[in-house]
C-alpha cells in the first residue's frame, strides 16, 4: 500500500492499514482506523460518514491534514 493510508471493503468486513502508519503520530493511526471503520456505516464520504467521524473525533480534519503532509515510505 504505497498511495493510501488505509482501505476498507465493507461488504467483506475488511480493513487494510498502511504499515507506514506505525511511524506516524498515534493520532494519525486513530484517525485512519476511525475513517475506515466509518465506511461500515456509510461506504461513501457522505453526510452520514462525516457525522460519524465528527462525532467520534472532532479534530479529525487537522489530524488528516497533518498526516497527509507527512511522506509515505518508498
N, C-alpha and C. Protein backbone atom coordinates (compact mmCIF):
# COMPACT_ATOMS: atom_id res chain seq x y z
N UNK A 1 0.85 -1.17 0.00
CA UNK A 1 0.00 0.00 0.00
C UNK A 1 0.90 1.23 0.00
N UNK A 2 1.12 1.79 -1.15
CA UNK A 2 2.05 2.90 -1.28
C UNK A 2 1.37 4.25 -1.46
N UNK A 3 0.09 4.27 -1.77
CA UNK A 3 -0.55 5.54 -2.07
C UNK A 3 -1.69 5.89 -1.12
N UNK A 4 -2.02 5.00 -0.19
CA UNK A 4 -3.13 5.23 0.72
C UNK A 4 -2.68 4.91 2.14
N UNK A 5 -3.34 5.54 3.09
CA UNK A 5 -3.08 5.23 4.49
C UNK A 5 -3.91 4.05 4.94
N UNK A 6 -5.07 3.85 4.30
CA UNK A 6 -5.92 2.74 4.67
C UNK A 6 -6.94 2.47 3.59
N UNK A 7 -7.58 1.33 3.69
CA UNK A 7 -8.60 0.94 2.73
C UNK A 7 -9.58 0.01 3.45
N UNK A 8 -10.76 -0.10 2.86
CA UNK A 8 -11.80 -0.88 3.52
C UNK A 8 -12.69 -1.53 2.47
N UNK A 9 -13.15 -2.73 2.79
CA UNK A 9 -14.16 -3.42 1.99
C UNK A 9 -15.32 -3.75 2.92
N UNK A 10 -16.31 -2.84 3.01
CA UNK A 10 -17.41 -3.07 3.94
C UNK A 10 -18.17 -4.37 3.68
N UNK A 11 -18.32 -4.75 2.44
CA UNK A 11 -19.07 -5.97 2.11
C UNK A 11 -18.42 -7.21 2.71
N UNK A 12 -17.09 -7.21 2.79
CA UNK A 12 -16.37 -8.36 3.35
C UNK A 12 -15.94 -8.13 4.80
N UNK A 13 -16.18 -6.92 5.32
CA UNK A 13 -15.80 -6.62 6.70
C UNK A 13 -14.30 -6.54 6.91
N UNK A 14 -13.58 -6.05 5.89
CA UNK A 14 -12.13 -5.99 5.95
C UNK A 14 -11.61 -4.56 5.94
N UNK A 15 -10.55 -4.34 6.71
CA UNK A 15 -9.85 -3.06 6.72
C UNK A 15 -8.37 -3.36 6.54
N UNK A 16 -7.72 -2.60 5.67
CA UNK A 16 -6.28 -2.69 5.46
C UNK A 16 -5.66 -1.38 5.90
N UNK A 17 -4.51 -1.47 6.56
CA UNK A 17 -3.79 -0.28 7.00
C UNK A 17 -2.38 -0.29 6.43
N UNK A 18 -1.91 0.87 6.05
CA UNK A 18 -0.56 1.02 5.57
C UNK A 18 0.38 0.86 6.76
N UNK A 19 1.34 -0.03 6.67
CA UNK A 19 2.26 -0.28 7.78
C UNK A 19 3.09 0.95 8.14
N UNK A 20 3.21 1.89 7.21
CA UNK A 20 3.95 3.12 7.47
C UNK A 20 3.28 3.95 8.58
N UNK A 21 2.02 3.67 8.87
CA UNK A 21 1.33 4.38 9.95
C UNK A 21 2.00 4.13 11.31
N UNK A 22 2.71 3.03 11.44
CA UNK A 22 3.41 2.74 12.68
C UNK A 22 4.49 3.78 12.98
N UNK A 23 4.94 4.49 11.96
CA UNK A 23 5.98 5.52 12.11
C UNK A 23 5.38 6.92 12.29
N UNK A 24 4.07 7.01 12.27
CA UNK A 24 3.39 8.30 12.33
C UNK A 24 2.83 8.52 13.73
N UNK A 25 2.39 9.74 14.04
CA UNK A 25 1.79 10.00 15.36
C UNK A 25 0.59 9.09 15.62
N UNK A 26 0.40 8.72 16.88
CA UNK A 26 -0.69 7.82 17.25
C UNK A 26 -2.05 8.37 16.83
N UNK A 27 -2.22 9.67 16.91
CA UNK A 27 -3.49 10.27 16.49
C UNK A 27 -3.79 9.98 15.03
N UNK A 28 -2.75 9.89 14.21
CA UNK A 28 -2.94 9.59 12.78
C UNK A 28 -3.47 8.17 12.61
N UNK A 29 -2.92 7.24 13.35
CA UNK A 29 -3.40 5.86 13.29
C UNK A 29 -4.85 5.79 13.76
N UNK A 30 -5.16 6.48 14.86
CA UNK A 30 -6.54 6.51 15.35
C UNK A 30 -7.48 7.07 14.29
N UNK A 31 -7.06 8.13 13.63
CA UNK A 31 -7.90 8.75 12.60
C UNK A 31 -8.15 7.78 11.43
N UNK A 32 -7.10 7.14 10.94
CA UNK A 32 -7.26 6.25 9.79
C UNK A 32 -8.15 5.06 10.15
N UNK A 33 -7.98 4.51 11.34
CA UNK A 33 -8.84 3.41 11.76
C UNK A 33 -10.29 3.88 11.84
N UNK A 34 -10.52 5.03 12.46
CA UNK A 34 -11.88 5.57 12.53
C UNK A 34 -12.45 5.81 11.14
N UNK A 35 -11.65 6.42 10.27
CA UNK A 35 -12.09 6.70 8.90
C UNK A 35 -12.55 5.42 8.20
N UNK A 36 -11.72 4.41 8.27
CA UNK A 36 -12.06 3.16 7.58
C UNK A 36 -13.25 2.48 8.23
N UNK A 37 -13.35 2.49 9.54
CA UNK A 37 -14.49 1.86 10.21
C UNK A 37 -15.78 2.63 9.94
N UNK A 38 -15.69 3.94 9.75
CA UNK A 38 -16.89 4.73 9.42
C UNK A 38 -17.47 4.29 8.08
N UNK A 39 -16.64 3.70 7.23
CA UNK A 39 -17.16 3.19 5.95
C UNK A 39 -18.07 1.98 6.15
N UNK A 40 -18.05 1.35 7.31
CA UNK A 40 -19.00 0.28 7.60
C UNK A 40 -20.39 0.87 7.82
N UNK A 41 -20.45 2.13 8.22
CA UNK A 41 -21.72 2.82 8.41
C UNK A 41 -22.20 3.43 7.10
N UNK A 42 -21.25 4.02 6.37
CA UNK A 42 -21.56 4.59 5.05
C UNK A 42 -20.36 4.38 4.14
N UNK A 43 -20.53 3.71 3.02
CA UNK A 43 -19.40 3.44 2.14
C UNK A 43 -18.87 4.67 1.40
N UNK A 44 -19.65 5.73 1.39
CA UNK A 44 -19.22 6.96 0.70
C UNK A 44 -18.81 8.01 1.73
N UNK A 45 -18.21 9.07 1.25
CA UNK A 45 -17.86 10.20 2.12
C UNK A 45 -19.04 11.19 2.15
N UNK A 46 -20.18 10.67 2.53
CA UNK A 46 -21.40 11.48 2.54
C UNK A 46 -21.63 12.08 3.94
N UNK A 47 -22.79 12.69 4.13
CA UNK A 47 -23.09 13.37 5.39
C UNK A 47 -23.09 12.39 6.57
N UNK A 48 -23.63 11.20 6.38
CA UNK A 48 -23.64 10.20 7.44
C UNK A 48 -22.22 9.82 7.84
N UNK A 49 -21.37 9.60 6.85
CA UNK A 49 -19.96 9.28 7.10
C UNK A 49 -19.30 10.42 7.88
N UNK A 50 -19.44 11.65 7.38
CA UNK A 50 -18.80 12.79 8.03
C UNK A 50 -19.32 13.00 9.45
N UNK A 51 -20.60 12.84 9.66
CA UNK A 51 -21.16 12.97 11.01
C UNK A 51 -20.60 11.91 11.95
N UNK A 52 -20.40 10.71 11.44
CA UNK A 52 -19.84 9.63 12.25
C UNK A 52 -18.42 9.97 12.68
N UNK A 53 -17.61 10.43 11.74
CA UNK A 53 -16.22 10.78 12.06
C UNK A 53 -16.19 12.00 12.99
N UNK A 54 -17.00 13.01 12.69
CA UNK A 54 -17.06 14.22 13.54
C UNK A 54 -17.43 13.87 14.98
N UNK A 55 -18.41 13.01 15.14
CA UNK A 55 -18.89 12.65 16.48
C UNK A 55 -17.82 11.92 17.29
N UNK A 56 -17.02 11.11 16.63
CA UNK A 56 -16.03 10.29 17.32
C UNK A 56 -14.65 10.91 17.43
N UNK A 57 -14.36 11.91 16.58
CA UNK A 57 -13.05 12.58 16.61
C UNK A 57 -13.23 13.99 16.07
N UNK A 58 -13.66 14.92 16.93
CA UNK A 58 -13.94 16.28 16.46
C UNK A 58 -12.78 16.97 15.74
N UNK A 59 -11.55 16.68 16.09
CA UNK A 59 -10.41 17.34 15.46
C UNK A 59 -9.80 16.58 14.30
N UNK A 60 -10.58 15.71 13.67
CA UNK A 60 -10.03 14.83 12.64
C UNK A 60 -9.50 15.57 11.43
N UNK A 61 -10.07 16.70 11.08
CA UNK A 61 -9.62 17.41 9.86
C UNK A 61 -8.17 17.87 10.00
N UNK A 62 -7.80 18.35 11.17
CA UNK A 62 -6.41 18.78 11.39
C UNK A 62 -5.47 17.58 11.41
N UNK A 63 -5.91 16.51 12.04
CA UNK A 63 -5.09 15.29 12.08
C UNK A 63 -4.87 14.76 10.66
N UNK A 64 -5.93 14.75 9.85
CA UNK A 64 -5.80 14.31 8.45
C UNK A 64 -4.84 15.20 7.68
N UNK A 65 -4.95 16.50 7.89
CA UNK A 65 -4.06 17.44 7.21
C UNK A 65 -2.62 17.21 7.61
N UNK A 66 -2.37 17.04 8.90
CA UNK A 66 -1.01 16.78 9.39
C UNK A 66 -0.47 15.47 8.82
N UNK A 67 -1.31 14.44 8.80
CA UNK A 67 -0.89 13.14 8.26
C UNK A 67 -0.56 13.24 6.78
N UNK A 68 -1.41 13.89 6.02
CA UNK A 68 -1.18 13.99 4.58
C UNK A 68 0.01 14.85 4.21
N UNK A 69 0.49 15.65 5.16
CA UNK A 69 1.71 16.44 4.94
C UNK A 69 2.96 15.60 5.14
N UNK A 70 2.81 14.44 5.76
CA UNK A 70 3.95 13.55 6.01
C UNK A 70 4.17 12.65 4.80
N UNK A 71 5.43 12.26 4.57
CA UNK A 71 5.71 11.41 3.40
C UNK A 71 5.32 9.96 3.62
N UNK A 72 4.97 9.28 2.54
CA UNK A 72 4.82 7.83 2.53
C UNK A 72 6.20 7.23 2.34
N UNK A 73 6.44 6.07 2.90
CA UNK A 73 7.73 5.39 2.68
C UNK A 73 7.78 4.83 1.27
N UNK A 74 8.97 4.67 0.78
CA UNK A 74 9.15 4.06 -0.56
C UNK A 74 9.17 2.56 -0.46
